[in-house]
Amino acid sequence: MICYNRLAREWLREQGECLDATEAQEEAKLPERNVSDRERALIAKARQFMPGGSLGNLFGGVVISEGYRGRVKDVSGNEYVDFLLGSGPMLIGHAHPEVVDAVREQIERGTTFFADNENAIRLAEETVEAVPCADKVRFCSTGSEATLYAMRTARAFRKRDKILKFEGGFHGMNDYALMSMAPAHPQDFPHPTPDSPGIPKSVQSEMLIAPFNDIETTSAIIDRYHNELAGVIVEPFQRLLPPKPGFLEGLRQITEMYEIPLIFDEVVTGFRFSYGGAQEYYGVTPDLCTLGKAIAGGFPLTALVGRDELMDHFDPVASESESFLPQIGTLSGNPVAAAAGLATLRVLRREGTYERLFEVGRQLKDTLQRLLDEAEIPAQVIGEAPLFDVFFTEGEISDYRSTLQADRALASRFTALLLDRGVLRGSTKFYISTAHDAADIEHTVQAFASAIDALKG
């Protein structure tokens, strides 16, 4: 069984979000997957040398060896239709020939320079042309880094300290982001709950928490604290929750009224929902935006983009000395990652790309809901066509607290059943790629039907 590590194994188990590999097999009443001696040895080595026997992202003892288009193989040779997609970056599939060629060409010319390079400059240009809020671009290496700089930029601009984020929103692993990301015992709004030990208590006093999709409560918090707020950060599509009609528009209106920078975290949705990201897809333009995953085609590169007056804080000439934001990163704008990003964006710009992506996603999403309905299993398939999941509940799903009513043990069992049937995903989310083809769809639909039959049994 595969499961995201949300900071601690015990914490995860308390939430009921995952079972370990053995328990998952027992719960799902499945035979163990075919595991070779080589993979068993690697799993044992991982347990010896890495905490929890993993990289910290997934638990479960599946060691991936290769990927091509919409599929991956593990070290034992088992093949899976891949809806994990490296947690989203492989939007155009694994080992895309154009990305491979671009990367190979750049590697032969050098892998990093700690200086301006042509690929990064060209990728910045393409990003500004694509993303509505982008006047300038700063590259980073991780989403956690990009969201940290986004919040720091808002503080520098407003000369205030507090940031408002939304309960259940994921903005990476920096201290500020790890407030009420997935609280086991949510507090009354706007009080935050730290999601990890090791975070200074002082950080709590600088964060405010609001409920996603509730513009009335959010507006009341902003009204009350507007003189202290530096910025508001939000995933326009929060994890798997689409915004209700008017929510993003209302958030944009009240932040504009108080001249508070609005930050869209589009590390997941950037270039996925449309070429201009969720802000183009939903028609709401923020002041700052973080991008990642798809922008670099599977390589470690992210970006912070935004309006000139905000991004000028990174310019030692354009900004006043006391408002200059230093940003130094050894691999920021890495030429190999930027080459992969340029090749990925070139593929995404081609006519019909997003239409096909959405059609594949809609077909799988609608089929999954139909099969669950026919089996009379209370469940809702939530999300958008390129990114969705199933919540096993009859209740409305609109914010973090409403997701807690879903049957997580049943979701874990469903994921285990799919894995046994050659479909790989994380504990949440089906990421769709442009590389998933008719054979992948057919295989997945059959796996859905068989897994749902098993759930009924």
Protein backbone atom coordinates (compact mmCIF):
# COMPACT_ATOMS: atom_id res chain seq x y z
CA MET A 1 0.00 0.00 0.00
CA ILE A 2 1.24 3.46 -0.81
CA CYS A 3 0.67 6.50 1.31
CA TYR A 4 1.92 10.09 1.53
CA ASN A 5 3.99 10.73 4.63
CA ARG A 6 2.25 13.67 6.28
CA LEU A 7 5.03 14.41 8.68
CA ALA A 8 4.93 11.33 10.92
CA ARG A 9 3.86 7.72 10.52
CA GLU A 10 1.93 7.67 13.78
CA TRP A 11 0.16 10.88 12.88
CA LEU A 12 -0.88 9.38 9.55
CA ARG A 13 -2.23 6.28 11.19
CA GLU A 14 -4.19 8.39 13.68
CA GLN A 15 -5.82 10.06 10.71
CA GLY A 16 -6.68 6.69 9.20
CA GLU A 17 -5.11 7.70 5.90
CA CYS A 18 -2.89 4.70 5.32
CA LEU A 19 -2.01 1.17 6.22
CA ASP A 20 1.44 -0.30 5.92
CA ALA A 21 2.09 -2.82 3.17
CA THR A 22 1.25 -5.92 5.21
CA GLU A 23 -1.88 -4.47 6.80
CA ALA A 24 -3.10 -3.20 3.45
CA GLN A 25 -2.83 -6.65 1.92
CA GLU A 26 -4.71 -8.18 4.84
CA GLU A 27 -7.38 -5.46 4.82
CA ALA A 28 -7.93 -5.82 1.09
CA LYS A 29 -7.64 -9.65 1.27
CA LEU A 30 -5.19 -9.58 -1.62
CA PRO A 31 -2.27 -11.82 -2.49
CA GLU A 32 1.08 -10.13 -2.15
CA ARG A 33 2.30 -8.61 -5.39
CA ASN A 34 5.14 -10.32 -7.18
CA VAL A 35 8.29 -9.04 -5.46
CA SER A 36 11.70 -10.14 -6.69
CA ASP A 37 14.68 -10.92 -4.49
CA ARG A 38 16.36 -7.80 -5.85
CA GLU A 39 13.49 -5.56 -4.82
CA ARG A 40 13.29 -7.20 -1.40
CA ALA A 41 17.00 -6.50 -0.92
CA LEU A 42 16.54 -2.85 -1.93
CA ILE A 43 13.60 -2.45 0.44
CA ALA A 44 15.68 -3.91 3.27
CA LYS A 45 18.56 -1.56 2.38
CA ALA A 46 16.18 1.41 2.38
CA ARG A 47 14.96 0.46 5.85
CA GLN A 48 18.56 0.25 7.03
CA PHE A 49 19.79 3.56 5.65
CA MET A 50 16.75 5.85 5.32
CA PRO A 51 14.29 6.89 8.06
CA GLY A 52 11.10 4.91 7.62
CA GLY A 53 12.70 3.08 4.71
CA SER A 54 11.66 5.79 2.27
CA LEU A 55 12.46 9.18 0.79
CA GLY A 56 9.76 10.60 3.06
CA ASN A 57 7.16 10.95 0.32
CA LEU A 58 5.63 7.48 0.14
CA PHE A 59 5.64 4.42 2.33
CA GLY A 60 4.88 0.92 1.16
CA GLY A 61 7.94 -0.74 -0.32
CA VAL A 62 7.37 -0.25 -4.05
CA VAL A 63 10.68 0.54 -5.77
CA ILE A 64 10.19 2.10 -9.21
CA SER A 65 12.81 1.35 -11.84
CA GLU A 66 11.58 3.03 -15.01
CA GLY A 67 8.77 4.94 -16.64
CA TYR A 68 7.65 5.52 -20.21
CA ARG A 69 4.69 7.57 -21.39
CA GLY A 70 1.79 6.83 -18.98
CA ARG A 71 3.25 3.76 -17.29
CA VAL A 72 5.95 2.77 -14.81
CA LYS A 73 7.62 -0.49 -13.80
CA ASP A 74 8.92 -1.55 -10.42
CA VAL A 75 12.22 -3.35 -9.84
CA SER A 76 10.39 -6.69 -9.89
CA GLY A 77 9.09 -6.02 -13.40
CA ASN A 78 5.45 -5.29 -12.48
CA GLU A 79 3.94 -2.67 -14.78
CA TYR A 80 1.43 -0.05 -13.68
CA VAL A 81 -0.67 2.61 -15.38
CA ASP A 82 0.73 5.61 -13.57
CA PHE A 83 -1.59 8.19 -12.04
CA LEU A 84 1.00 9.25 -9.48
CA LEU A 85 3.14 10.88 -12.19
CA GLY A 86 5.90 11.72 -9.73
CA SER A 87 3.25 13.61 -7.71
CA GLY A 88 2.31 15.55 -10.80
CA PRO A 89 5.38 16.75 -12.73
CA MET A 90 5.10 14.23 -15.55
CA LEU A 91 2.20 16.02 -17.24
CA ILE A 92 3.36 14.95 -20.71
CA GLY A 93 4.41 11.49 -19.54
CA HIS A 94 7.65 9.78 -18.59
CA ALA A 95 10.74 9.95 -20.80
CA HIS A 96 9.12 12.14 -23.45
CA PRO A 97 11.53 12.02 -26.41
CA GLU A 98 11.64 15.79 -26.82
CA VAL A 99 12.42 16.33 -23.14
CA VAL A 100 15.06 13.60 -23.18
CA ASP A 101 16.72 15.13 -26.26
CA ALA A 102 16.72 18.63 -24.77
CA VAL A 103 18.19 17.40 -21.49
CA ARG A 104 20.83 15.27 -23.19
CA GLU A 105 21.90 18.21 -25.36
CA GLN A 106 22.27 20.50 -22.35
CA ILE A 107 24.05 17.91 -20.18
CA GLU A 108 26.71 17.60 -22.84
CA ARG A 109 27.30 21.36 -22.53
CA GLY A 110 27.30 21.52 -18.73
CA THR A 111 24.91 20.84 -15.89
CA THR A 112 24.98 23.94 -13.69
CA PHE A 113 26.69 27.34 -13.65
CA PHE A 114 25.34 29.47 -10.75
CA ALA A 115 25.01 32.21 -13.36
CA ASP A 116 22.49 33.36 -15.93
CA ASN A 117 22.00 30.88 -18.73
CA GLU A 118 20.06 30.96 -21.98
CA ASN A 119 17.60 28.20 -21.09
CA ALA A 120 16.52 29.92 -17.86
CA ILE A 121 16.11 33.27 -19.60
CA ARG A 122 14.01 31.72 -22.37
CA LEU A 123 11.91 29.79 -19.82
CA ALA A 124 11.27 33.03 -17.93
CA GLU A 125 10.09 34.64 -21.18
CA GLU A 126 7.75 31.73 -21.95
CA THR A 127 6.35 31.84 -18.41
CA VAL A 128 5.58 35.56 -18.58
CA GLU A 129 3.84 35.06 -21.92
CA ALA A 130 1.75 32.21 -20.49
CA VAL A 131 0.73 33.27 -16.97
CA PRO A 132 -1.65 36.24 -16.60
CA CYS A 133 -0.15 37.67 -13.39
CA ALA A 134 3.48 37.32 -14.45
CA ASP A 135 5.58 40.38 -15.23
CA LYS A 136 8.80 38.93 -13.85
CA VAL A 137 10.06 35.48 -12.78
CA ARG A 138 12.32 34.20 -10.03
CA PHE A 139 13.35 30.54 -10.23
CA CYS A 140 13.75 28.23 -7.22
CA SER A 141 14.27 24.50 -6.82
CA THR A 142 11.25 23.37 -4.74
CA GLY A 143 7.67 24.35 -4.14
CA SER A 144 8.41 24.88 -0.44
CA GLU A 145 11.05 27.41 -1.40
CA ALA A 146 8.77 29.20 -3.88
CA THR A 147 5.89 29.60 -1.42
CA LEU A 148 8.29 30.80 1.28
CA TYR A 149 9.58 33.52 -1.05
CA ALA A 150 6.03 34.40 -2.08
CA MET A 151 5.05 35.08 1.53
CA ARG A 152 8.32 36.92 2.17
CA THR A 153 7.70 39.13 -0.87
CA ALA A 154 4.23 40.04 0.37
CA ARG A 155 5.69 40.96 3.78
CA ALA A 156 8.36 43.13 2.19
CA PHE A 157 5.78 44.88 0.02
CA ARG A 158 3.19 45.49 2.75
CA LYS A 159 5.68 45.95 5.60
CA ARG A 160 3.45 43.76 7.73
CA ASP A 161 3.91 40.24 9.07
CA LYS A 162 0.72 38.17 9.09
CA ILE A 163 -0.23 35.79 6.29
CA LEU A 164 -3.69 34.30 5.86
CA LYS A 165 -3.87 30.76 4.48
CA PHE A 166 -6.70 28.26 4.19
CA GLU A 167 -7.25 25.22 6.37
CA GLY A 168 -6.20 22.10 4.51
CA GLY A 169 -4.15 24.06 2.00
CA PHE A 170 -0.78 22.57 1.12
CA HIS A 171 2.03 25.03 0.40
CA GLY A 172 5.05 22.84 0.90
CA MET A 173 7.19 22.12 3.93
CA ASN A 174 8.32 25.55 5.13
CA ASP A 175 7.35 26.53 8.70
CA TYR A 176 4.62 28.96 7.69
CA ALA A 177 3.04 26.51 5.27
CA LEU A 178 2.86 23.84 7.96
CA MET A 179 0.10 25.61 9.83
CA SER A 180 -3.30 23.87 9.69
CA MET A 181 -2.34 21.89 6.62
CA ALA A 182 -4.12 18.81 7.95
CA PRO A 183 -4.99 19.40 11.60
CA ALA A 184 -6.30 16.40 13.51
CA HIS A 185 -8.15 18.72 15.88
CA PRO A 186 -8.95 21.98 14.06
CA GLN A 187 -9.26 25.11 16.15
CA ASP A 188 -11.75 27.91 15.77
CA PHE A 189 -10.92 30.24 12.89
CA PRO A 190 -8.57 32.06 12.50
CA HIS A 191 -6.31 30.25 14.96
CA PRO A 192 -3.62 28.00 13.41
CA THR A 193 -2.49 24.54 14.43
CA PRO A 194 1.13 23.51 13.73
CA ASP A 195 1.43 20.29 11.74
CA SER A 196 4.95 19.39 12.78
CA PRO A 197 7.25 19.53 15.78
CA GLY A 198 10.25 21.80 15.43
CA ILE A 199 8.33 24.89 14.34
CA PRO A 200 8.93 27.94 16.56
CA LYS A 201 5.84 28.93 18.53
CA SER A 202 6.30 32.49 17.27
CA VAL A 203 5.31 31.33 13.77
CA GLN A 204 1.77 30.61 14.98
CA SER A 205 1.26 34.25 15.86
CA GLU A 206 2.04 35.28 12.28
CA MET A 207 -0.48 33.01 10.53
CA LEU A 208 -4.26 33.28 10.23
CA ILE A 209 -6.45 30.41 9.06
CA ALA A 210 -9.68 30.64 7.06
CA PRO A 211 -12.07 28.02 5.64
CA PHE A 212 -11.73 27.37 1.90
CA ASN A 213 -14.88 28.11 -0.14
CA ASP A 214 -16.39 30.24 2.65
CA ILE A 215 -16.06 33.81 1.44
CA GLU A 216 -18.19 35.24 4.25
CA THR A 217 -15.99 33.90 7.05
CA THR A 218 -12.84 34.70 5.09
CA SER A 219 -13.95 38.25 4.40
CA ALA A 220 -14.77 38.78 8.06
CA ILE A 221 -11.25 37.67 9.05
CA ILE A 222 -9.66 39.94 6.45
CA ASP A 223 -11.87 42.84 7.54
CA ARG A 224 -10.75 42.38 11.12
CA TYR A 225 -7.02 41.90 10.48
CA HIS A 226 -6.43 43.89 7.28
CA ASN A 227 -4.08 46.37 8.97
CA GLU A 228 -1.86 43.47 10.08
CA LEU A 229 -2.04 41.32 6.94
CA ALA A 230 0.88 41.11 4.53
CA GLY A 231 -0.80 38.72 2.13
CA VAL A 232 -3.28 35.94 1.46
CA ILE A 233 -2.07 32.64 0.00
CA VAL A 234 -4.44 30.09 -1.51
CA GLU A 235 -4.49 27.12 -3.81
CA PRO A 236 -7.15 28.20 -6.32
CA PHE A 237 -8.00 24.50 -6.56
CA GLN A 238 -7.29 23.34 -2.99
CA ARG A 239 -5.80 19.86 -3.11
CA LEU A 240 -8.88 18.30 -4.76
CA LEU A 241 -11.51 20.92 -4.00
CA PRO A 242 -12.72 23.14 -6.84
CA PRO A 243 -13.60 26.70 -5.81
CA LYS A 244 -17.29 27.42 -5.45
CA PRO A 245 -18.67 29.98 -7.92
CA GLY A 246 -17.76 33.43 -6.66
CA PHE A 247 -15.23 32.33 -4.04
CA LEU A 248 -12.05 33.29 -5.88
CA GLU A 249 -13.73 36.39 -7.27
CA GLY A 250 -14.76 37.45 -3.77
CA LEU A 251 -11.27 36.80 -2.45
CA ARG A 252 -9.79 38.89 -5.25
CA GLN A 253 -12.26 41.72 -4.55
CA ILE A 254 -11.60 42.02 -0.82
CA THR A 255 -7.81 41.75 -1.14
CA GLU A 256 -7.85 44.45 -3.81
CA MET A 257 -10.00 46.66 -1.61
CA TYR A 258 -7.40 46.54 1.18
CA GLU A 259 -4.42 46.43 -1.23
CA ILE A 260 -3.31 43.08 0.20
CA PRO A 261 -1.31 40.90 -2.23
CA LEU A 262 -3.19 37.78 -3.28
CA ILE A 263 -0.92 34.76 -3.84
CA PHE A 264 -2.06 31.79 -5.90
CA ASP A 265 -0.10 28.63 -5.16
CA GLU A 266 -0.15 26.97 -8.58
CA VAL A 267 2.65 24.51 -8.02
CA VAL A 268 0.09 21.81 -8.86
CA THR A 269 -2.32 23.62 -11.20
CA GLY A 270 0.16 25.68 -13.21
CA PHE A 271 0.12 24.61 -16.89
CA ARG A 272 -2.19 21.72 -15.89
CA PHE A 273 -5.69 23.20 -16.02
CA SER A 274 -4.78 25.39 -18.97
CA TYR A 275 -1.60 26.83 -20.44
CA GLY A 276 -2.13 29.89 -18.24
CA GLY A 277 -2.88 27.77 -15.19
CA ALA A 278 -5.82 27.88 -12.81
CA GLN A 279 -5.90 31.68 -12.90
CA GLU A 280 -6.65 31.52 -16.62
CA TYR A 281 -8.99 28.53 -16.19
CA TYR A 282 -11.04 30.19 -13.43
CA GLY A 283 -10.64 33.74 -14.74
CA VAL A 284 -9.19 35.32 -11.58
CA THR A 285 -5.74 36.96 -11.62
CA PRO A 286 -3.66 37.14 -8.42
CA ASP A 287 -0.71 39.43 -7.66
CA LEU A 288 1.83 36.66 -7.11
CA CYS A 289 1.89 33.03 -8.15
CA THR A 290 4.07 30.00 -7.45
CA LEU A 291 4.66 27.43 -10.17
CA GLY A 292 6.24 23.98 -10.12
CA LYS A 293 5.85 20.37 -11.20
CA ALA A 294 4.77 20.72 -14.85
CA ILE A 295 6.97 23.76 -15.51
CA ALA A 296 10.15 21.63 -15.44
CA GLY A 297 9.03 18.32 -16.91
CA GLY A 298 10.20 16.21 -13.97
CA PHE A 299 13.30 18.18 -13.00
CA PRO A 300 13.80 20.23 -9.79
CA LEU A 301 12.77 23.73 -10.77
CA THR A 302 9.97 25.99 -9.53
CA ALA A 303 9.16 29.65 -9.94
CA LEU A 304 7.72 32.68 -8.23
CA VAL A 305 6.08 35.09 -10.66
CA GLY A 306 4.14 38.29 -10.18
CA ARG A 307 3.56 41.95 -10.83
CA ASP A 308 6.52 44.28 -11.31
CA GLU A 309 5.96 46.28 -8.14
CA LEU A 310 6.19 43.09 -6.07
CA MET A 311 8.95 41.34 -8.00
CA ASP A 312 11.08 44.49 -7.95
CA HIS A 313 11.94 43.63 -4.34
CA PHE A 314 14.37 41.08 -5.81
CA ASP A 315 16.10 43.78 -7.87
CA PRO A 316 18.88 45.55 -5.92
CA VAL A 317 18.67 48.54 -8.27
CA ALA A 318 14.89 48.92 -8.49
CA SER A 319 14.26 48.41 -4.77
CA GLU A 320 15.25 50.55 -1.85
CA SER A 321 18.11 49.11 0.18
CA GLU A 322 15.91 48.23 3.17
CA SER A 323 13.33 46.47 0.98
CA PHE A 324 15.70 44.43 -1.18
CA LEU A 325 15.04 40.66 -0.99
CA PRO A 326 18.16 38.55 -1.51
CA GLN A 327 17.43 35.20 -3.14
CA ILE A 328 20.38 32.88 -3.63
CA GLY A 329 20.04 29.25 -4.66
CA THR A 330 22.80 27.03 -5.99
CA LEU A 331 20.51 25.34 -8.50
CA SER A 332 17.97 28.12 -9.12
CA GLY A 333 17.30 28.30 -12.85
CA ASN A 334 19.41 25.20 -13.47
CA PRO A 335 20.04 24.95 -17.24
CA VAL A 336 19.18 21.25 -17.46
CA ALA A 337 15.86 21.72 -15.64
CA ALA A 338 15.11 24.81 -17.72
CA ALA A 339 15.80 22.87 -20.92
CA ALA A 340 13.33 20.21 -19.79
CA GLY A 341 10.81 22.95 -18.98
CA LEU A 342 11.14 24.57 -22.40
CA ALA A 343 10.60 21.23 -24.13
CA THR A 344 7.58 20.46 -21.93
CA LEU A 345 5.94 23.83 -22.62
CA ARG A 346 6.55 23.40 -26.34
CA VAL A 347 4.57 20.15 -26.24
CA LEU A 348 1.78 21.69 -24.17
CA ARG A 349 1.36 24.59 -26.62
CA ARG A 350 0.42 22.29 -29.48
CA GLU A 351 -3.11 22.41 -30.78
CA GLY A 352 -5.51 20.00 -29.14
CA THR A 353 -3.24 19.08 -26.22
CA TYR A 354 -5.53 20.31 -23.45
CA GLU A 355 -8.65 19.09 -25.20
CA ARG A 356 -7.22 15.55 -25.21
CA LEU A 357 -6.01 15.85 -21.61
CA PHE A 358 -9.47 16.89 -20.43
CA GLU A 359 -11.21 14.22 -22.50
CA VAL A 360 -9.12 11.43 -20.95
CA GLY A 361 -9.70 12.84 -17.47
CA ARG A 362 -13.44 13.24 -17.99
CA GLN A 363 -13.76 9.71 -19.33
CA LEU A 364 -12.03 8.20 -16.29
CA LYS A 365 -13.71 10.51 -13.80
CA ASP A 366 -17.21 9.92 -15.14
CA THR A 367 -16.69 6.16 -15.48
CA LEU A 368 -15.46 5.87 -11.90
CA GLN A 369 -18.50 7.73 -10.59
CA ARG A 370 -20.86 5.62 -12.71
CA LEU A 371 -19.35 2.35 -11.50
CA LEU A 372 -19.56 3.44 -7.87
CA ASP A 373 -23.18 4.52 -8.33
CA GLU A 374 -24.08 1.21 -9.99
CA ALA A 375 -22.46 -0.64 -7.08
CA GLU A 376 -24.48 1.51 -4.67
CA ILE A 377 -21.32 2.56 -2.82
CA PRO A 378 -21.74 6.06 -1.34
CA ALA A 379 -18.96 8.04 -2.98
CA GLN A 380 -18.24 11.25 -4.83
CA VAL A 381 -15.60 11.75 -7.50
CA ILE A 382 -14.36 15.28 -6.89
CA GLY A 383 -12.03 17.57 -8.83
CA GLU A 384 -11.34 18.64 -12.39
CA ALA A 385 -10.66 16.35 -15.34
CA PRO A 386 -6.83 16.53 -15.15
CA LEU A 387 -6.80 15.98 -11.37
CA PHE A 388 -9.48 14.23 -9.30
CA ASP A 389 -10.15 11.67 -6.59
CA VAL A 390 -12.94 9.74 -4.93
CA PHE A 391 -14.30 10.50 -1.45
CA PHE A 392 -16.29 7.67 0.08
CA THR A 393 -19.14 9.68 1.58
CA GLU A 394 -22.60 10.95 0.69
CA GLY A 395 -22.01 14.36 2.27
CA GLU A 396 -21.03 17.49 0.39
CA ILE A 397 -17.28 17.97 -0.02
CA SER A 398 -16.31 21.64 -0.16
CA ASP A 399 -13.60 22.31 2.44
CA TYR A 400 -11.06 20.53 4.63
CA ARG A 401 -13.46 19.73 7.47
CA SER A 402 -16.01 18.19 5.14
CA THR A 403 -13.33 15.84 3.77
CA LEU A 404 -12.92 14.39 7.26
CA GLN A 405 -16.33 12.71 7.01
CA ALA A 406 -15.11 10.46 4.18
CA ASP A 407 -14.28 6.81 4.88
CA ARG A 408 -10.48 6.83 4.69
CA ALA A 409 -10.08 3.14 5.45
CA LEU A 410 -12.25 2.35 2.42
CA ALA A 411 -10.17 4.75 0.31
CA SER A 412 -6.98 3.00 1.43
CA ARG A 413 -8.45 -0.36 0.54
CA PHE A 414 -9.50 0.93 -2.88
CA THR A 415 -5.96 2.16 -3.54
CA ALA A 416 -4.55 -1.23 -2.51
CA LEU A 417 -7.00 -3.02 -4.82
CA LEU A 418 -5.98 -0.80 -7.71
CA LEU A 419 -2.28 -1.38 -7.08
CA ASP A 420 -2.85 -5.13 -7.22
CA ARG A 421 -4.58 -4.59 -10.57
CA GLY A 422 -1.74 -2.62 -12.10
CA VAL A 423 -2.84 0.97 -11.35
CA LEU A 424 -0.47 3.19 -9.37
CA ARG A 425 -1.52 6.29 -7.46
CA GLY A 426 -0.76 7.94 -4.15
CA SER A 427 -3.06 7.90 -1.16
CA THR A 428 -4.93 10.73 -2.87
CA LYS A 429 -5.31 12.08 -6.40
CA PHE A 430 -5.45 10.71 -9.89
CA TYR A 431 -3.05 12.81 -11.98
CA ILE A 432 -3.84 12.57 -15.69
CA SER A 433 -1.16 13.02 -18.35
CA THR A 434 -1.22 13.79 -22.04
CA ALA A 435 0.54 10.45 -22.53
CA HIS A 436 -2.26 8.26 -21.17
CA ASP A 437 -3.65 6.45 -24.20
CA ALA A 438 -6.60 4.24 -25.09
CA ALA A 439 -4.90 1.12 -23.71
CA ASP A 440 -4.22 2.88 -20.41
CA ILE A 441 -7.85 3.99 -20.20
CA GLU A 442 -9.15 0.49 -20.94
CA HIS A 443 -6.83 -1.08 -18.36
CA THR A 444 -7.83 1.49 -15.73
CA VAL A 445 -11.56 1.13 -16.34
CA GLN A 446 -11.26 -2.64 -15.96
CA ALA A 447 -9.27 -2.14 -12.75
CA PHE A 448 -11.94 0.27 -11.46
CA ALA A 449 -14.68 -2.27 -12.13
CA SER A 450 -12.79 -5.16 -10.55
CA ALA A 451 -11.71 -3.15 -7.49
CA ILE A 452 -15.25 -1.88 -6.92
CA ASP A 453 -16.58 -5.43 -7.13
CA ALA A 454 -14.06 -6.38 -4.45
CA LEU A 455 -15.16 -3.46 -2.27
CA LYS A 456 -18.70 -4.75 -2.37
CA GLY A 457 -17.61 -8.24 -1.32
